Amino acid sequence: MQVQFQHPYLIASRGVYNPGFGSAPADVMSKVHTLLDILAWGATSACVAGVIVVGAMMAISHHRGTGSEHAASLGRVMGACVLLGTAGPLVQFLT
């Protein structure tokens, strides 16, 4: 017994469905760009806050006379800042 699916995109006699080259509506794209701008602003603010917090922790540690591994924390925060700073231009270059 053979079963046939009658969904318009899955009928074997028509071949594979081709969605074509569509584009997103303009109002959706403007909202997406606004959302990405807000996220980029927030991530940049988080990087600046991270550097300030690690710097404050280093200053407090130095004032107390205790040695701790804040350089690794600073390295991670700076790595995140570099990643964030290069993400936008890299995506612009690739598109």
PDB file of N, CA and C in Angstrom:
ATOM      1  N   MET A   1       0.838  -1.173   0.000  1.00  0.00           N
ATOM      2  CA  MET A   1       0.000   0.000   0.000  1.00  0.00           C
ATOM      3  C   MET A   1       0.888   1.243   0.000  1.00  0.00           C
ATOM      4  N   GLN A   2       0.555   2.193  -0.823  1.00  0.00           N
ATOM      5  CA  GLN A   2       1.338   3.409  -0.953  1.00  0.00           C
ATOM      6  C   GLN A   2       0.554   4.581  -0.370  1.00  0.00           C
ATOM      7  N   VAL A   3       1.256   5.383   0.444  1.00  0.00           N
ATOM      8  CA  VAL A   3       0.614   6.530   1.080  1.00  0.00           C
ATOM      9  C   VAL A   3       1.127   7.791   0.402  1.00  0.00           C
ATOM     10  N   GLN A   4       0.218   8.665   0.029  1.00  0.00           N
ATOM     11  CA  GLN A   4       0.602   9.929  -0.583  1.00  0.00           C
ATOM     12  C   GLN A   4       0.232  11.074   0.353  1.00  0.00           C
ATOM     13  N   PHE A   5       1.169  11.980   0.529  1.00  0.00           N
ATOM     14  CA  PHE A   5       0.906  13.174   1.315  1.00  0.00           C
ATOM     15  C   PHE A   5       0.447  14.263   0.365  1.00  0.00           C
ATOM     16  N   GLN A   6      -0.618  14.946   0.693  1.00  0.00           N
ATOM     17  CA  GLN A   6      -1.177  15.954  -0.191  1.00  0.00           C
ATOM     18  C   GLN A   6      -0.819  17.376   0.223  1.00  0.00           C
ATOM     19  N   HIS A   7       0.242  17.527   0.996  1.00  0.00           N
ATOM     20  CA  HIS A   7       0.696  18.867   1.334  1.00  0.00           C
ATOM     21  C   HIS A   7       1.259  19.505   0.075  1.00  0.00           C
ATOM     22  N   PRO A   8       0.931  20.762  -0.217  1.00  0.00           N
ATOM     23  CA  PRO A   8       1.340  21.350  -1.506  1.00  0.00           C
ATOM     24  C   PRO A   8       2.849  21.425  -1.715  1.00  0.00           C
ATOM     25  N   TYR A   9       3.641  21.471  -0.637  1.00  0.00           N
ATOM     26  CA  TYR A   9       5.080  21.581  -0.792  1.00  0.00           C
ATOM     27  C   TYR A   9       5.774  20.227  -0.824  1.00  0.00           C
ATOM     28  N   LEU A  10       5.066  19.168  -0.551  1.00  0.00           N
ATOM     29  CA  LEU A  10       5.687  17.854  -0.463  1.00  0.00           C
ATOM     30  C   LEU A  10       5.242  16.898  -1.571  1.00  0.00           C
ATOM     31  N   ILE A  11       4.497  17.349  -2.512  1.00  0.00           N
ATOM     32  CA  ILE A  11       4.054  16.468  -3.591  1.00  0.00           C
ATOM     33  C   ILE A  11       5.249  16.168  -4.480  1.00  0.00           C
ATOM     34  N   ALA A  12       5.530  14.888  -4.670  1.00  0.00           N
ATOM     35  CA  ALA A  12       6.737  14.465  -5.384  1.00  0.00           C
ATOM     36  C   ALA A  12       6.724  14.884  -6.839  1.00  0.00           C
ATOM     37  N   SER A  13       5.572  14.997  -7.452  1.00  0.00           N
ATOM     38  CA  SER A  13       5.529  15.343  -8.873  1.00  0.00           C
ATOM     39  C   SER A  13       5.970  16.790  -9.114  1.00  0.00           C
ATOM     40  N   ARG A  14       5.885  17.632  -8.116  1.00  0.00           N
ATOM     41  CA  ARG A  14       6.294  19.028  -8.277  1.00  0.00           C
ATOM     42  C   ARG A  14       7.771  19.237  -7.991  1.00  0.00           C
ATOM     43  N   GLY A  15       8.438  18.295  -7.380  1.00  0.00           N
ATOM     44  CA  GLY A  15       9.844  18.453  -7.055  1.00  0.00           C
ATOM     45  C   GLY A  15      10.018  19.137  -5.714  1.00  0.00           C
ATOM     46  N   VAL A  16      11.206  19.631  -5.474  1.00  0.00           N
ATOM     47  CA  VAL A  16      11.547  20.269  -4.208  1.00  0.00           C
ATOM     48  C   VAL A  16      11.028  21.701  -4.210  1.00  0.00           C
ATOM     49  N   TYR A  17      10.441  22.108  -3.103  1.00  0.00           N
ATOM     50  CA  TYR A  17       9.902  23.461  -2.973  1.00  0.00           C
ATOM     51  C   TYR A  17      11.032  24.473  -2.968  1.00  0.00           C
ATOM     52  N   ASN A  18      10.903  25.523  -3.758  1.00  0.00           N
ATOM     53  CA  ASN A  18      11.877  26.590  -3.839  1.00  0.00           C
ATOM     54  C   ASN A  18      11.260  27.850  -3.233  1.00  0.00           C
ATOM     55  N   PRO A  19      11.760  28.308  -2.080  1.00  0.00           N
ATOM     56  CA  PRO A  19      11.161  29.485  -1.457  1.00  0.00           C
ATOM     57  C   PRO A  19      11.482  30.788  -2.167  1.00  0.00           C
ATOM     58  N   GLY A  20      12.462  30.786  -3.074  1.00  0.00           N
ATOM     59  CA  GLY A  20      12.811  32.002  -3.789  1.00  0.00           C
ATOM     60  C   GLY A  20      13.729  32.906  -2.983  1.00  0.00           C
ATOM     61  N   PHE A  21      13.879  34.125  -3.452  1.00  0.00           N
ATOM     62  CA  PHE A  21      14.742  35.097  -2.793  1.00  0.00           C
ATOM     63  C   PHE A  21      13.877  36.204  -2.222  1.00  0.00           C
ATOM     64  N   GLY A  22      13.368  35.977  -1.041  1.00  0.00           N
ATOM     65  CA  GLY A  22      12.517  36.968  -0.400  1.00  0.00           C
ATOM     66  C   GLY A  22      13.334  37.912   0.452  1.00  0.00           C
ATOM     67  N   SER A  23      12.666  38.890   0.987  1.00  0.00           N
ATOM     68  CA  SER A  23      13.311  39.818   1.909  1.00  0.00           C
ATOM     69  C   SER A  23      12.341  40.114   3.038  1.00  0.00           C
ATOM     70  N   ALA A  24      12.887  40.465   4.166  1.00  0.00           N
ATOM     71  CA  ALA A  24      12.070  40.769   5.336  1.00  0.00           C
ATOM     72  C   ALA A  24      11.394  42.129   5.154  1.00  0.00           C
ATOM     73  N   PRO A  25      10.229  42.309   5.736  1.00  0.00           N
ATOM     74  CA  PRO A  25       9.562  43.613   5.657  1.00  0.00           C
ATOM     75  C   PRO A  25      10.400  44.703   6.324  1.00  0.00           C
ATOM     76  N   ALA A  26      10.278  45.907   5.833  1.00  0.00           N
ATOM     77  CA  ALA A  26      11.103  47.023   6.309  1.00  0.00           C
ATOM     78  C   ALA A  26      10.857  47.338   7.779  1.00  0.00           C
ATOM     79  N   ASP A  27       9.603  47.265   8.221  1.00  0.00           N
ATOM     80  CA  ASP A  27       9.333  47.596   9.618  1.00  0.00           C
ATOM     81  C   ASP A  27       9.945  46.569  10.563  1.00  0.00           C
ATOM     82  N   VAL A  28      10.000  45.306  10.151  1.00  0.00           N
ATOM     83  CA  VAL A  28      10.636  44.276  10.971  1.00  0.00           C
ATOM     84  C   VAL A  28      12.140  44.508  11.034  1.00  0.00           C
ATOM     85  N   MET A  29      12.742  44.833   9.912  1.00  0.00           N
ATOM     86  CA  MET A  29      14.187  45.059   9.890  1.00  0.00           C
ATOM     87  C   MET A  29      14.580  46.265  10.734  1.00  0.00           C
ATOM     88  N   SER A  30      13.773  47.317  10.729  1.00  0.00           N
ATOM     89  CA  SER A  30      14.107  48.481  11.551  1.00  0.00           C
ATOM     90  C   SER A  30      14.022  48.135  13.033  1.00  0.00           C
ATOM     91  N   LYS A  31      13.070  47.293  13.415  1.00  0.00           N
ATOM     92  CA  LYS A  31      12.966  46.870  14.818  1.00  0.00           C
ATOM     93  C   LYS A  31      14.129  45.970  15.201  1.00  0.00           C
ATOM     94  N   VAL A  32      14.555  45.110  14.280  1.00  0.00           N
ATOM     95  CA  VAL A  32      15.697  44.241  14.543  1.00  0.00           C
ATOM     96  C   VAL A  32      16.961  45.071  14.717  1.00  0.00           C
ATOM     97  N   HIS A  33      17.153  46.071  13.859  1.00  0.00           N
ATOM     98  CA  HIS A  33      18.328  46.942  13.980  1.00  0.00           C
ATOM     99  C   HIS A  33      18.305  47.717  15.299  1.00  0.00           C
ATOM    100  N   THR A  34      17.133  48.177  15.700  1.00  0.00           N
ATOM    101  CA  THR A  34      17.023  48.877  16.979  1.00  0.00           C
ATOM    102  C   THR A  34      17.380  47.949  18.134  1.00  0.00           C
ATOM    103  N   LEU A  35      16.889  46.724  18.092  1.00  0.00           N
ATOM    104  CA  LEU A  35      17.202  45.752  19.132  1.00  0.00           C
ATOM    105  C   LEU A  35      18.697  45.449  19.172  1.00  0.00           C
ATOM    106  N   LEU A  36      19.317  45.272  18.011  1.00  0.00           N
ATOM    107  CA  LEU A  36      20.754  45.006  17.970  1.00  0.00           C
ATOM    108  C   LEU A  36      21.565  46.200  18.470  1.00  0.00           C
ATOM    109  N   ASP A  37      21.118  47.407  18.172  1.00  0.00           N
ATOM    110  CA  ASP A  37      21.798  48.603  18.687  1.00  0.00           C
ATOM    111  C   ASP A  37      21.728  48.662  20.208  1.00  0.00           C
ATOM    112  N   ILE A  38      20.561  48.339  20.770  1.00  0.00           N
ATOM    113  CA  ILE A  38      20.413  48.349  22.226  1.00  0.00           C
ATOM    114  C   ILE A  38      21.284  47.269  22.853  1.00  0.00           C
ATOM    115  N   LEU A  39      21.320  46.076  22.251  1.00  0.00           N
ATOM    116  CA  LEU A  39      22.155  44.996  22.781  1.00  0.00           C
ATOM    117  C   LEU A  39      23.641  45.353  22.708  1.00  0.00           C
ATOM    118  N   ALA A  40      24.056  45.980  21.616  1.00  0.00           N
ATOM    119  CA  ALA A  40      25.461  46.377  21.486  1.00  0.00           C
ATOM    120  C   ALA A  40      25.820  47.439  22.521  1.00  0.00           C
ATOM    121  N   TRP A  41      24.919  48.380  22.754  1.00  0.00           N
ATOM    122  CA  TRP A  41      25.157  49.400  23.769  1.00  0.00           C
ATOM    123  C   TRP A  41      25.268  48.776  25.147  1.00  0.00           C
ATOM    124  N   GLY A  42      24.376  47.834  25.455  1.00  0.00           N
ATOM    125  CA  GLY A  42      24.403  47.159  26.749  1.00  0.00           C
ATOM    126  C   GLY A  42      25.666  46.330  26.943  1.00  0.00           C
ATOM    127  N   ALA A  43      26.106  45.645  25.890  1.00  0.00           N
ATOM    128  CA  ALA A  43      27.325  44.841  25.990  1.00  0.00           C
ATOM    129  C   ALA A  43      28.551  45.723  26.179  1.00  0.00           C
ATOM    130  N   THR A  44      28.592  46.856  25.502  1.00  0.00           N
ATOM    131  CA  THR A  44      29.701  47.785  25.686  1.00  0.00           C
ATOM    132  C   THR A  44      29.716  48.336  27.111  1.00  0.00           C
ATOM    133  N   SER A  45      28.542  48.651  27.620  1.00  0.00           N
ATOM    134  CA  SER A  45      28.456  49.125  29.007  1.00  0.00           C
ATOM    135  C   SER A  45      28.905  48.051  29.982  1.00  0.00           C
ATOM    136  N   ALA A  46      28.550  46.791  29.715  1.00  0.00           N
ATOM    137  CA  ALA A  46      28.972  45.693  30.585  1.00  0.00           C
ATOM    138  C   ALA A  46      30.484  45.527  30.553  1.00  0.00           C
ATOM    139  N   CYS A  47      31.101  45.716  29.396  1.00  0.00           N
ATOM    140  CA  CYS A  47      32.561  45.627  29.314  1.00  0.00           C
ATOM    141  C   CYS A  47      33.233  46.732  30.126  1.00  0.00           C
ATOM    142  N   VAL A  48      32.726  47.931  30.003  1.00  0.00           N
ATOM    143  CA  VAL A  48      33.296  49.042  30.764  1.00  0.00           C
ATOM    144  C   VAL A  48      33.114  48.802  32.260  1.00  0.00           C
ATOM    145  N   ALA A  49      31.932  48.345  32.651  1.00  0.00           N
ATOM    146  CA  ALA A  49      31.685  48.054  34.060  1.00  0.00           C
ATOM    147  C   ALA A  49      32.588  46.924  34.547  1.00  0.00           C
ATOM    148  N   GLY A  50      32.830  45.927  33.712  1.00  0.00           N
ATOM    149  CA  GLY A  50      33.712  44.828  34.089  1.00  0.00           C
ATOM    150  C   GLY A  50      35.131  45.295  34.336  1.00  0.00           C
ATOM    151  N   VAL A  51      35.634  46.163  33.477  1.00  0.00           N
ATOM    152  CA  VAL A  51      36.986  46.695  33.674  1.00  0.00           C
ATOM    153  C   VAL A  51      37.048  47.521  34.955  1.00  0.00           C
ATOM    154  N   ILE A  52      36.022  48.307  35.228  1.00  0.00           N
ATOM    155  CA  ILE A  52      35.993  49.113  36.448  1.00  0.00           C
ATOM    156  C   ILE A  52      35.951  48.220  37.688  1.00  0.00           C
ATOM    157  N   VAL A  53      35.136  47.176  37.663  1.00  0.00           N
ATOM    158  CA  VAL A  53      35.019  46.279  38.816  1.00  0.00           C
ATOM    159  C   VAL A  53      36.334  45.548  39.065  1.00  0.00           C
ATOM    160  N   VAL A  54      36.953  45.042  38.004  1.00  0.00           N
ATOM    161  CA  VAL A  54      38.231  44.344  38.188  1.00  0.00           C
ATOM    162  C   VAL A  54      39.296  45.312  38.682  1.00  0.00           C
ATOM    163  N   GLY A  55      39.303  46.530  38.172  1.00  0.00           N
ATOM    164  CA  GLY A  55      40.255  47.535  38.659  1.00  0.00           C
ATOM    165  C   GLY A  55      40.034  47.859  40.125  1.00  0.00           C
ATOM    166  N   ALA A  56      38.780  47.963  40.544  1.00  0.00           N
ATOM    167  CA  ALA A  56      38.479  48.220  41.953  1.00  0.00           C
ATOM    168  C   ALA A  56      38.918  47.053  42.831  1.00  0.00           C
ATOM    169  N   MET A  57      38.682  45.822  42.351  1.00  0.00           N
ATOM    170  CA  MET A  57      39.121  44.648  43.115  1.00  0.00           C
ATOM    171  C   MET A  57      40.639  44.612  43.236  1.00  0.00           C
ATOM    172  N   MET A  58      41.345  44.986  42.185  1.00  0.00           N
ATOM    173  CA  MET A  58      42.810  45.037  42.242  1.00  0.00           C
ATOM    174  C   MET A  58      43.278  46.102  43.222  1.00  0.00           C
ATOM    175  N   ALA A  59      42.620  47.277  43.217  1.00  0.00           N
ATOM    176  CA  ALA A  59      43.011  48.355  44.123  1.00  0.00           C
ATOM    177  C   ALA A  59      42.767  47.965  45.575  1.00  0.00           C
ATOM    178  N   ILE A  60      41.631  47.348  45.854  1.00  0.00           N
ATOM    179  CA  ILE A  60      41.333  46.915  47.223  1.00  0.00           C
ATOM    180  C   ILE A  60      42.322  45.849  47.671  1.00  0.00           C
ATOM    181  N   SER A  61      42.623  44.912  46.782  1.00  0.00           N
ATOM    182  CA  SER A  61      43.578  43.852  47.108  1.00  0.00           C
ATOM    183  C   SER A  61      44.964  44.438  47.375  1.00  0.00           C
ATOM    184  N   HIS A  62      45.363  45.403  46.596  1.00  0.00           N
ATOM    185  CA  HIS A  62      46.673  46.035  46.794  1.00  0.00           C
ATOM    186  C   HIS A  62      46.706  46.821  48.110  1.00  0.00           C
ATOM    187  N   HIS A  63      45.603  47.505  48.411  1.00  0.00           N
ATOM    188  CA  HIS A  63      45.532  48.294  49.645  1.00  0.00           C
ATOM    189  C   HIS A  63      45.618  47.391  50.881  1.00  0.00           C
ATOM    190  N   ARG A  64      44.989  46.225  50.809  1.00  0.00           N
ATOM    191  CA  ARG A  64      45.022  45.282  51.935  1.00  0.00           C
ATOM    192  C   ARG A  64      46.356  44.551  52.034  1.00  0.00           C
ATOM    193  N   GLY A  65      47.114  44.572  50.970  1.00  0.00           N
ATOM    194  CA  GLY A  65      48.397  43.894  50.979  1.00  0.00           C
ATOM    195  C   GLY A  65      48.310  42.422  50.636  1.00  0.00           C
ATOM    196  N   THR A  66      47.181  42.005  50.132  1.00  0.00           N
ATOM    197  CA  THR A  66      47.039  40.601  49.741  1.00  0.00           C
ATOM    198  C   THR A  66      47.273  40.478  48.253  1.00  0.00           C
ATOM    199  N   GLY A  67      47.930  39.423  47.882  1.00  0.00           N
ATOM    200  CA  GLY A  67      48.150  39.173  46.459  1.00  0.00           C
ATOM    201  C   GLY A  67      47.115  38.177  45.953  1.00  0.00           C
ATOM    202  N   SER A  68      46.511  38.500  44.880  1.00  0.00           N
ATOM    203  CA  SER A  68      45.536  37.572  44.309  1.00  0.00           C
ATOM    204  C   SER A  68      45.626  37.612  42.792  1.00  0.00           C
ATOM    205  N   GLU A  69      44.920  36.736  42.184  1.00  0.00           N
ATOM    206  CA  GLU A  69      45.000  36.564  40.723  1.00  0.00           C
ATOM    207  C   GLU A  69      43.967  37.418  39.999  1.00  0.00           C
ATOM    208  N   HIS A  70      44.100  38.715  40.099  1.00  0.00           N
ATOM    209  CA  HIS A  70      43.161  39.590  39.396  1.00  0.00           C
ATOM    210  C   HIS A  70      43.586  39.825  37.951  1.00  0.00           C
ATOM    211  N   ALA A  71      44.823  39.497  37.635  1.00  0.00           N
ATOM    212  CA  ALA A  71      45.284  39.670  36.253  1.00  0.00           C
ATOM    213  C   ALA A  71      44.523  38.739  35.315  1.00  0.00           C
ATOM    214  N   ALA A  72      44.204  37.542  35.793  1.00  0.00           N
ATOM    215  CA  ALA A  72      43.425  36.616  34.963  1.00  0.00           C
ATOM    216  C   ALA A  72      42.020  37.162  34.725  1.00  0.00           C
ATOM    217  N   SER A  73      41.433  37.748  35.756  1.00  0.00           N
ATOM    218  CA  SER A  73      40.101  38.350  35.596  1.00  0.00           C
ATOM    219  C   SER A  73      40.152  39.515  34.617  1.00  0.00           C
ATOM    220  N   LEU A  74      41.193  40.320  34.749  1.00  0.00           N
ATOM    221  CA  LEU A  74      41.338  41.444  33.826  1.00  0.00           C
ATOM    222  C   LEU A  74      41.541  40.947  32.394  1.00  0.00           C
ATOM    223  N   GLY A  75      42.295  39.868  32.239  1.00  0.00           N
ATOM    224  CA  GLY A  75      42.496  39.289  30.910  1.00  0.00           C
ATOM    225  C   GLY A  75      41.204  38.788  30.306  1.00  0.00           C
ATOM    226  N   ARG A  76      40.364  38.140  31.115  1.00  0.00           N
ATOM    227  CA  ARG A  76      39.077  37.660  30.602  1.00  0.00           C
ATOM    228  C   ARG A  76      38.172  38.821  30.198  1.00  0.00           C
ATOM    229  N   VAL A  77      38.140  39.857  31.021  1.00  0.00           N
ATOM    230  CA  VAL A  77      37.303  41.014  30.702  1.00  0.00           C
ATOM    231  C   VAL A  77      37.809  41.708  29.442  1.00  0.00           C
ATOM    232  N   MET A  78      39.115  41.868  29.340  1.00  0.00           N
ATOM    233  CA  MET A  78      39.666  42.514  28.142  1.00  0.00           C
ATOM    234  C   MET A  78      39.448  41.659  26.898  1.00  0.00           C
ATOM    235  N   GLY A  79      39.540  40.337  27.047  1.00  0.00           N
ATOM    236  CA  GLY A  79      39.232  39.440  25.924  1.00  0.00           C
ATOM    237  C   GLY A  79      37.791  39.599  25.463  1.00  0.00           C
ATOM    238  N   ALA A  80      36.876  39.724  26.423  1.00  0.00           N
ATOM    239  CA  ALA A  80      35.472  39.941  26.071  1.00  0.00           C
ATOM    240  C   ALA A  80      35.290  41.285  25.370  1.00  0.00           C
ATOM    241  N   CYS A  81      36.035  42.304  25.815  1.00  0.00           N
ATOM    242  CA  CYS A  81      35.954  43.613  25.168  1.00  0.00           C
ATOM    243  C   CYS A  81      36.463  43.562  23.729  1.00  0.00           C
ATOM    244  N   VAL A  82      37.550  42.838  23.516  1.00  0.00           N
ATOM    245  CA  VAL A  82      38.089  42.703  22.159  1.00  0.00           C
ATOM    246  C   VAL A  82      37.113  41.936  21.278  1.00  0.00           C
ATOM    247  N   LEU A  83      36.531  40.865  21.822  1.00  0.00           N
ATOM    248  CA  LEU A  83      35.550  40.084  21.063  1.00  0.00           C
ATOM    249  C   LEU A  83      34.356  40.944  20.683  1.00  0.00           C
ATOM    250  N   LEU A  84      33.867  41.719  21.623  1.00  0.00           N
ATOM    251  CA  LEU A  84      32.736  42.595  21.352  1.00  0.00           C
ATOM    252  C   LEU A  84      33.104  43.684  20.348  1.00  0.00           C
ATOM    253  N   GLY A  85      34.301  44.235  20.489  1.00  0.00           N
ATOM    254  CA  GLY A  85      34.720  45.306  19.590  1.00  0.00           C
ATOM    255  C   GLY A  85      34.944  44.848  18.159  1.00  0.00           C
ATOM    256  N   THR A  86      35.328  43.598  17.976  1.00  0.00           N
ATOM    257  CA  THR A  86      35.582  43.108  16.617  1.00  0.00           C
ATOM    258  C   THR A  86      34.383  42.406  15.992  1.00  0.00           C
ATOM    259  N   ALA A  87      33.369  42.099  16.777  1.00  0.00           N
ATOM    260  CA  ALA A  87      32.213  41.362  16.228  1.00  0.00           C
ATOM    261  C   ALA A  87      31.460  42.169  15.188  1.00  0.00           C
ATOM    262  N   GLY A  88      31.168  43.409  15.488  1.00  0.00           N
ATOM    263  CA  GLY A  88      30.403  44.242  14.558  1.00  0.00           C
ATOM    264  C   GLY A  88      31.117  44.468  13.234  1.00  0.00           C
ATOM    265  N   PRO A  89      32.366  44.948  13.249  1.00  0.00           N
ATOM    266  CA  PRO A  89      33.070  45.141  11.988  1.00  0.00           C
ATOM    267  C   PRO A  89      33.290  43.843  11.199  1.00  0.00           C
ATOM    268  N   LEU A  90      33.486  42.737  11.909  1.00  0.00           N
ATOM    269  CA  LEU A  90      33.665  41.456  11.224  1.00  0.00           C
ATOM    270  C   LEU A  90      32.394  41.038  10.503  1.00  0.00           C
ATOM    271  N   VAL A  91      31.257  41.213  11.140  1.00  0.00           N
ATOM    272  CA  VAL A  91      29.984  40.881  10.493  1.00  0.00           C
ATOM    273  C   VAL A  91      29.729  41.823   9.318  1.00  0.00           C
ATOM    274  N   GLN A  92      30.037  43.092   9.474  1.00  0.00           N
ATOM    275  CA  GLN A  92      29.860  44.047   8.368  1.00  0.00           C
ATOM    276  C   GLN A  92      30.753  43.653   7.183  1.00  0.00           C
ATOM    277  N   PHE A  93      31.959  43.205   7.454  1.00  0.00           N
ATOM    278  CA  PHE A  93      32.880  42.799   6.385  1.00  0.00           C
ATOM    279  C   PHE A  93      32.347  41.572   5.652  1.00  0.00           C
ATOM    280  N   LEU A  94      31.780  40.635   6.389  1.00  0.00           N
ATOM    281  CA  LEU A  94      31.327  39.388   5.785  1.00  0.00           C
ATOM    282  C   LEU A  94      30.012  39.516   5.029  1.00  0.00           C
ATOM    283  N   THR A  95      29.226  40.554   5.334  1.00  0.00           N
ATOM    284  CA  THR A  95      27.935  40.691   4.637  1.00  0.00           C
ATOM    285  C   THR A  95      27.992  41.644   3.499  1.00  0.00           C
TER     286      THR A  95
END
